[in-house]
Each structure stands twice: as structure tokens, then as C-alpha cells.
PDB file of N, CA and C in Angstrom:
ATOM      1  N   UNK A   1     -89.470-122.398 155.170  1.00  0.00           N
ATOM      2  CA  UNK A   1     -88.053-122.628 155.068  1.00  0.00           C
ATOM      3  C   UNK A   1     -87.299-121.298 155.064  1.00  0.00           C
ATOM      4  N   UNK A   2     -87.792-120.322 154.342  1.00  0.00           N
ATOM      5  CA  UNK A   2     -87.131-119.015 154.313  1.00  0.00           C
ATOM      6  C   UNK A   2     -87.120-118.363 155.677  1.00  0.00           C
ATOM      7  N   UNK A   3     -88.189-118.544 156.430  1.00  0.00           N
ATOM      8  CA  UNK A   3     -88.269-117.960 157.776  1.00  0.00           C
ATOM      9  C   UNK A   3     -87.231-118.600 158.700  1.00  0.00           C
ATOM     10  N   UNK A   4     -87.073-119.944 158.600  1.00  0.00           N
ATOM     11  CA  UNK A   4     -86.076-120.625 159.435  1.00  0.00           C
ATOM     12  C   UNK A   4     -84.672-120.142 159.090  1.00  0.00           C
ATOM     13  N   UNK A   5     -84.411-119.968 157.821  1.00  0.00           N
ATOM     14  CA  UNK A   5     -83.103-119.497 157.401  1.00  0.00           C
ATOM     15  C   UNK A   5     -82.844-118.091 157.928  1.00  0.00           C
ATOM     16  N   UNK A   6     -83.857-117.258 157.908  1.00  0.00           N
ATOM     17  CA  UNK A   6     -83.729-115.882 158.380  1.00  0.00           C
ATOM     18  C   UNK A   6     -83.494-115.825 159.885  1.00  0.00           C
ATOM     19  N   UNK A   7     -84.081-116.775 160.632  1.00  0.00           N
ATOM     20  CA  UNK A   7     -83.947-116.792 162.082  1.00  0.00           C
ATOM     21  C   UNK A   7     -82.573-117.279 162.538  1.00  0.00           C
ATOM     22  N   UNK A   8     -81.866-118.036 161.694  1.00  0.00           N
ATOM     23  CA  UNK A   8     -80.546-118.523 162.068  1.00  0.00           C
ATOM     24  C   UNK A   8     -79.559-117.368 162.082  1.00  0.00           C
ATOM     25  N   UNK A   9     -78.580-117.454 162.991  1.00  0.00           N
ATOM     26  CA  UNK A   9     -77.544-116.421 163.040  1.00  0.00           C
ATOM     27  C   UNK A   9     -76.659-116.537 161.807  1.00  0.00           C
ATOM     28  N   UNK A  10     -76.525-115.466 161.058  1.00  0.00           N
ATOM     29  CA  UNK A  10     -75.648-115.527 159.891  1.00  0.00           C
ATOM     30  C   UNK A  10     -74.196-115.625 160.343  1.00  0.00           C
ATOM     31  N   UNK A  11     -73.397-116.321 159.558  1.00  0.00           N
ATOM     32  CA  UNK A  11     -71.978-116.454 159.868  1.00  0.00           C
ATOM     33  C   UNK A  11     -71.318-115.077 159.776  1.00  0.00           C
ATOM     34  N   UNK A  12     -70.551-114.727 160.786  1.00  0.00           N
ATOM     35  CA  UNK A  12     -69.887-113.421 160.811  1.00  0.00           C
ATOM     36  C   UNK A  12     -68.833-113.376 159.718  1.00  0.00           C
ATOM     37  N   UNK A  13     -68.934-112.384 158.874  1.00  0.00           N
ATOM     38  CA  UNK A  13     -67.968-112.203 157.799  1.00  0.00           C
ATOM     39  C   UNK A  13     -66.870-111.278 158.304  1.00  0.00           C
ATOM     40  N   UNK A  14     -65.611-111.707 158.190  1.00  0.00           N
ATOM     41  CA  UNK A  14     -64.523-110.865 158.694  1.00  0.00           C
ATOM     42  C   UNK A  14     -64.414-109.560 157.922  1.00  0.00           C
ATOM     43  N   UNK A  15     -64.000-108.514 158.609  1.00  0.00           N
ATOM     44  CA  UNK A  15     -63.818-107.199 157.988  1.00  0.00           C
ATOM     45  C   UNK A  15     -62.331-106.988 157.732  1.00  0.00           C
ATOM     46  N   UNK A  16     -62.000-106.491 156.550  1.00  0.00           N
ATOM     47  CA  UNK A  16     -60.618-106.248 156.159  1.00  0.00           C
ATOM     48  C   UNK A  16     -60.382-104.742 156.153  1.00  0.00           C
ATOM     49  N   UNK A  17     -59.553-104.280 157.103  1.00  0.00           N
ATOM     50  CA  UNK A  17     -59.208-102.864 157.180  1.00  0.00           C
ATOM     51  C   UNK A  17     -57.775-102.592 156.761  1.00  0.00           C
ATOM     52  N   UNK A  18     -56.967-103.647 156.689  1.00  0.00           N
ATOM     53  CA  UNK A  18     -55.552-103.463 156.357  1.00  0.00           C
ATOM     54  C   UNK A  18     -55.009-104.751 155.752  1.00  0.00           C
ATOM     55  N   UNK A  19     -53.786-104.673 155.237  1.00  0.00           N
ATOM     56  CA  UNK A  19     -53.146-105.864 154.689  1.00  0.00           C
ATOM     57  C   UNK A  19     -52.897-106.895 155.787  1.00  0.00           C
ATOM     58  N   UNK A  20     -52.700-106.451 157.015  1.00  0.00           N
ATOM     59  CA  UNK A  20     -52.505-107.384 158.129  1.00  0.00           C
ATOM     60  C   UNK A  20     -53.776-108.195 158.367  1.00  0.00           C
ATOM     61  N   UNK A  21     -54.934-107.589 158.247  1.00  0.00           N
ATOM     62  CA  UNK A  21     -56.200-108.322 158.392  1.00  0.00           C
ATOM     63  C   UNK A  21     -56.308-109.418 157.332  1.00  0.00           C
ATOM     64  N   UNK A  22     -55.933-109.091 156.098  1.00  0.00           N
ATOM     65  CA  UNK A  22     -55.974-110.074 155.018  1.00  0.00           C
ATOM     66  C   UNK A  22     -54.978-111.199 155.296  1.00  0.00           C
ATOM     67  N   UNK A  23     -53.782-110.838 155.752  1.00  0.00           N
ATOM     68  CA  UNK A  23     -52.774-111.836 156.084  1.00  0.00           C
ATOM     69  C   UNK A  23     -53.269-112.769 157.184  1.00  0.00           C
ATOM     70  N   UNK A  24     -53.827-112.198 158.236  1.00  0.00           N
ATOM     71  CA  UNK A  24     -54.320-113.003 159.352  1.00  0.00           C
ATOM     72  C   UNK A  24     -55.429-113.963 158.909  1.00  0.00           C
ATOM     73  N   UNK A  25     -56.255-113.531 157.973  1.00  0.00           N
ATOM     74  CA  UNK A  25     -57.344-114.361 157.474  1.00  0.00           C
ATOM     75  C   UNK A  25     -56.820-115.529 156.636  1.00  0.00           C
ATOM     76  N   UNK A  26     -55.776-115.284 155.843  1.00  0.00           N
ATOM     77  CA  UNK A  26     -55.305-116.295 154.890  1.00  0.00           C
ATOM     78  C   UNK A  26     -54.117-117.121 155.364  1.00  0.00           C
ATOM     79  N   UNK A  27     -53.430-116.721 156.412  1.00  0.00           N
ATOM     80  CA  UNK A  27     -52.179-117.398 156.779  1.00  0.00           C
ATOM     81  C   UNK A  27     -52.384-118.882 157.080  1.00  0.00           C
ATOM     82  N   UNK A  28     -53.495-119.259 157.641  1.00  0.00           N
ATOM     83  CA  UNK A  28     -53.761-120.672 157.905  1.00  0.00           C
ATOM     84  C   UNK A  28     -53.874-121.496 156.637  1.00  0.00           C
ATOM     85  N   UNK A  29     -54.359-120.891 155.569  1.00  0.00           N
ATOM     86  CA  UNK A  29     -54.498-121.592 154.291  1.00  0.00           C
ATOM     87  C   UNK A  29     -53.154-121.789 153.604  1.00  0.00           C
ATOM     88  N   UNK A  30     -52.183-120.934 153.889  1.00  0.00           N
ATOM     89  CA  UNK A  30     -50.902-120.950 153.183  1.00  0.00           C
ATOM     90  C   UNK A  30     -49.771-121.622 153.949  1.00  0.00           C
ATOM     91  N   UNK A  31     -49.992-121.947 155.208  1.00  0.00           N
ATOM     92  CA  UNK A  31     -48.919-122.535 156.005  1.00  0.00           C
ATOM     93  C   UNK A  31     -48.481-123.873 155.425  1.00  0.00           C
ATOM     94  N   UNK A  32     -47.177-124.046 155.308  1.00  0.00           N
ATOM     95  CA  UNK A  32     -46.564-125.324 154.917  1.00  0.00           C
ATOM     96  C   UNK A  32     -46.914-125.791 153.508  1.00  0.00           C
ATOM     97  N   UNK A  33     -47.287-124.895 152.615  1.00  0.00           N
ATOM     98  CA  UNK A  33     -47.540-125.297 151.232  1.00  0.00           C
ATOM     99  C   UNK A  33     -46.203-125.460 150.504  1.00  0.00           C
ATOM    100  N   UNK A  34     -46.057-126.515 149.696  1.00  0.00           N
ATOM    101  CA  UNK A  34     -44.809-126.705 148.947  1.00  0.00           C
ATOM    102  C   UNK A  34     -44.824-125.985 147.596  1.00  0.00           C
ATOM    103  N   UNK A  35     -45.777-125.109 147.394  1.00  0.00           N
ATOM    104  CA  UNK A  35     -45.909-124.401 146.123  1.00  0.00           C
ATOM    105  C   UNK A  35     -46.456-122.995 146.394  1.00  0.00           C
ATOM    106  N   UNK A  36     -46.522-122.201 145.344  1.00  0.00           N
ATOM    107  CA  UNK A  36     -47.008-120.828 145.450  1.00  0.00           C
ATOM    108  C   UNK A  36     -48.444-120.758 144.946  1.00  0.00           C
ATOM    109  N   UNK A  37     -49.279-119.984 145.636  1.00  0.00           N
ATOM    110  CA  UNK A  37     -50.662-119.790 145.215  1.00  0.00           C
ATOM    111  C   UNK A  37     -50.987-118.296 145.202  1.00  0.00           C
ATOM    112  N   UNK A  38     -51.901-117.907 144.309  1.00  0.00           N
ATOM    113  CA  UNK A  38     -52.355-116.526 144.219  1.00  0.00           C
ATOM    114  C   UNK A  38     -53.856-116.511 144.449  1.00  0.00           C
ATOM    115  N   UNK A  39     -54.287-115.780 145.480  1.00  0.00           N
ATOM    116  CA  UNK A  39     -55.697-115.701 145.865  1.00  0.00           C
ATOM    117  C   UNK A  39     -56.152-114.250 145.871  1.00  0.00           C
ATOM    118  N   UNK A  40     -57.456-114.047 145.734  1.00  0.00           N
ATOM    119  CA  UNK A  40     -58.054-112.730 145.915  1.00  0.00           C
ATOM    120  C   UNK A  40     -59.170-112.852 146.949  1.00  0.00           C
ATOM    121  N   UNK A  41     -59.378-111.782 147.660  1.00  0.00           N
ATOM    122  CA  UNK A  41     -60.500-111.687 148.587  1.00  0.00           C
ATOM    123  C   UNK A  41     -61.527-110.764 147.969  1.00  0.00           C
ATOM    124  N   UNK A  42     -62.750-111.237 147.818  1.00  0.00           N
ATOM    125  CA  UNK A  42     -63.829-110.421 147.297  1.00  0.00           C
ATOM    126  C   UNK A  42     -64.548-109.803 148.485  1.00  0.00           C
ATOM    127  N   UNK A  43     -64.652-108.482 148.493  1.00  0.00           N
ATOM    128  CA  UNK A  43     -65.233-107.750 149.617  1.00  0.00           C
ATOM    129  C   UNK A  43     -66.496-107.030 149.179  1.00  0.00           C
ATOM    130  N   UNK A  44     -67.401-106.824 150.141  1.00  0.00           N
ATOM    131  CA  UNK A  44     -68.557-105.987 149.859  1.00  0.00           C
ATOM    132  C   UNK A  44     -68.203-104.529 150.174  1.00  0.00           C
ATOM    133  N   UNK A  45     -69.160-103.635 150.075  1.00  0.00           N
ATOM    134  CA  UNK A  45     -68.875-102.204 150.291  1.00  0.00           C
ATOM    135  C   UNK A  45     -68.485-101.877 151.725  1.00  0.00           C
ATOM    136  N   UNK A  46     -68.798-102.762 152.645  1.00  0.00           N
ATOM    137  CA  UNK A  46     -68.435-102.557 154.051  1.00  0.00           C
ATOM    138  C   UNK A  46     -67.098-103.223 154.384  1.00  0.00           C
ATOM    139  N   UNK A  47     -66.357-103.643 153.358  1.00  0.00           N
ATOM    140  CA  UNK A  47     -65.066-104.327 153.495  1.00  0.00           C
ATOM    141  C   UNK A  47     -65.178-105.664 154.230  1.00  0.00           C
ATOM    142  N   UNK A  48     -66.335-106.304 154.121  1.00  0.00           N
ATOM    143  CA  UNK A  48     -66.519-107.630 154.689  1.00  0.00           C
ATOM    144  C   UNK A  48     -66.259-108.666 153.595  1.00  0.00           C
ATOM    145  N   UNK A  49     -65.613-109.761 153.972  1.00  0.00           N
ATOM    146  CA  UNK A  49     -65.273-110.798 153.002  1.00  0.00           C
ATOM    147  C   UNK A  49     -66.541-111.490 152.519  1.00  0.00           C
ATOM    148  N   UNK A  50     -66.709-111.502 151.210  1.00  0.00           N
ATOM    149  CA  UNK A  50     -67.822-112.207 150.583  1.00  0.00           C
ATOM    150  C   UNK A  50     -67.354-113.598 150.168  1.00  0.00           C
ATOM    151  N   UNK A  51     -66.113-113.667 149.635  1.00  0.00           N
ATOM    152  CA  UNK A  51     -65.606-114.936 149.121  1.00  0.00           C
ATOM    153  C   UNK A  51     -64.092-114.880 149.014  1.00  0.00           C
ATOM    154  N   UNK A  52     -63.448-116.039 149.195  1.00  0.00           N
ATOM    155  CA  UNK A  52     -62.019-116.203 148.918  1.00  0.00           C
ATOM    156  C   UNK A  52     -61.926-117.011 147.630  1.00  0.00           C
ATOM    157  N   UNK A  53     -61.092-116.571 146.689  1.00  0.00           N
ATOM    158  CA  UNK A  53     -61.025-117.226 145.381  1.00  0.00           C
ATOM    159  C   UNK A  53     -59.571-117.480 144.990  1.00  0.00           C
ATOM    160  N   UNK A  54     -59.236-118.735 144.680  1.00  0.00           N
ATOM    161  CA  UNK A  54     -57.897-119.073 144.194  1.00  0.00           C
ATOM    162  C   UNK A  54     -57.835-118.777 142.702  1.00  0.00           C
ATOM    163  N   UNK A  55     -56.804-118.009 142.291  1.00  0.00           N
ATOM    164  CA  UNK A  55     -56.649-117.681 140.875  1.00  0.00           C
ATOM    165  C   UNK A  55     -55.593-118.530 140.184  1.00  0.00           C
ATOM    166  N   UNK A  56     -54.506-118.843 140.899  1.00  0.00           N
ATOM    167  CA  UNK A  56     -53.433-119.589 140.254  1.00  0.00           C
ATOM    168  C   UNK A  56     -52.652-120.371 141.293  1.00  0.00           C
ATOM    169  N   UNK A  57     -52.001-121.430 140.797  1.00  0.00           N
ATOM    170  CA  UNK A  57     -51.143-122.259 141.642  1.00  0.00           C
ATOM    171  C   UNK A  57     -49.924-122.621 140.796  1.00  0.00           C
ATOM    172  N   UNK A  58     -48.726-122.448 141.364  1.00  0.00           N
ATOM    173  CA  UNK A  58     -47.497-122.761 140.653  1.00  0.00           C
ATOM    174  C   UNK A  58     -46.653-123.692 141.503  1.00  0.00           C
ATOM    175  N   UNK A  59     -46.329-124.839 140.932  1.00  0.00           N
ATOM    176  CA  UNK A  59     -45.476-125.790 141.628  1.00  0.00           C
ATOM    177  C   UNK A  59     -44.081-125.682 141.047  1.00  0.00           C
ATOM    178  N   UNK A  60     -43.095-125.688 141.914  1.00  0.00           N
ATOM    179  CA  UNK A  60     -41.712-125.550 141.502  1.00  0.00           C
ATOM    180  C   UNK A  60     -41.018-126.906 141.602  1.00  0.00           C
ATOM    181  N   UNK A  61     -40.237-127.218 140.578  1.00  0.00           N
ATOM    182  CA  UNK A  61     -39.471-128.466 140.586  1.00  0.00           C
ATOM    183  C   UNK A  61     -38.104-128.178 141.185  1.00  0.00           C
ATOM    184  N   UNK A  62     -37.731-128.971 142.165  1.00  0.00           N
ATOM    185  CA  UNK A  62     -36.430-128.802 142.802  1.00  0.00           C
ATOM    186  C   UNK A  62     -35.494-129.832 142.206  1.00  0.00           C
ATOM    187  N   UNK A  63     -34.353-129.375 141.643  1.00  0.00           N
ATOM    188  CA  UNK A  63     -33.404-130.337 141.009  1.00  0.00           C
ATOM    189  C   UNK A  63     -32.698-131.202 142.023  1.00  0.00           C
TER     190      UNK A  63
END
């Protein structure tokens, strides 16, 4: 089983070199949301995304 896993192509992890790279990676997740969210991108030493993590979500009441 480990050998089969090793033979599979690993999913390409995006590299973050600038704030625009981070924006481009996350903009699809944030489009058309009716609330505000705060996320962090966890990167390895090569600036490749390891994980996206939601930290907070705030919903606003409109009078």
C-alpha cells in the first residue's frame, strides 16, 4: 500500500511568493459570502501551501 501511494503523483501544492498569490488562491472561497471570514495559510519552508485554516467567521445583522 505504501508503494502504491508513493507511485501516485502528489497533488501540486501552490507556492506563495506575494500577497497576490495568496489572494488568487483564496478568492474563489470568498466570492459572494454574506459575512466576513478570517483565514490563514500554513506554508512549508519552500513557501508551498500545506493547509488552509479558517480562524473566525463574523456575520453582520442588517437592520
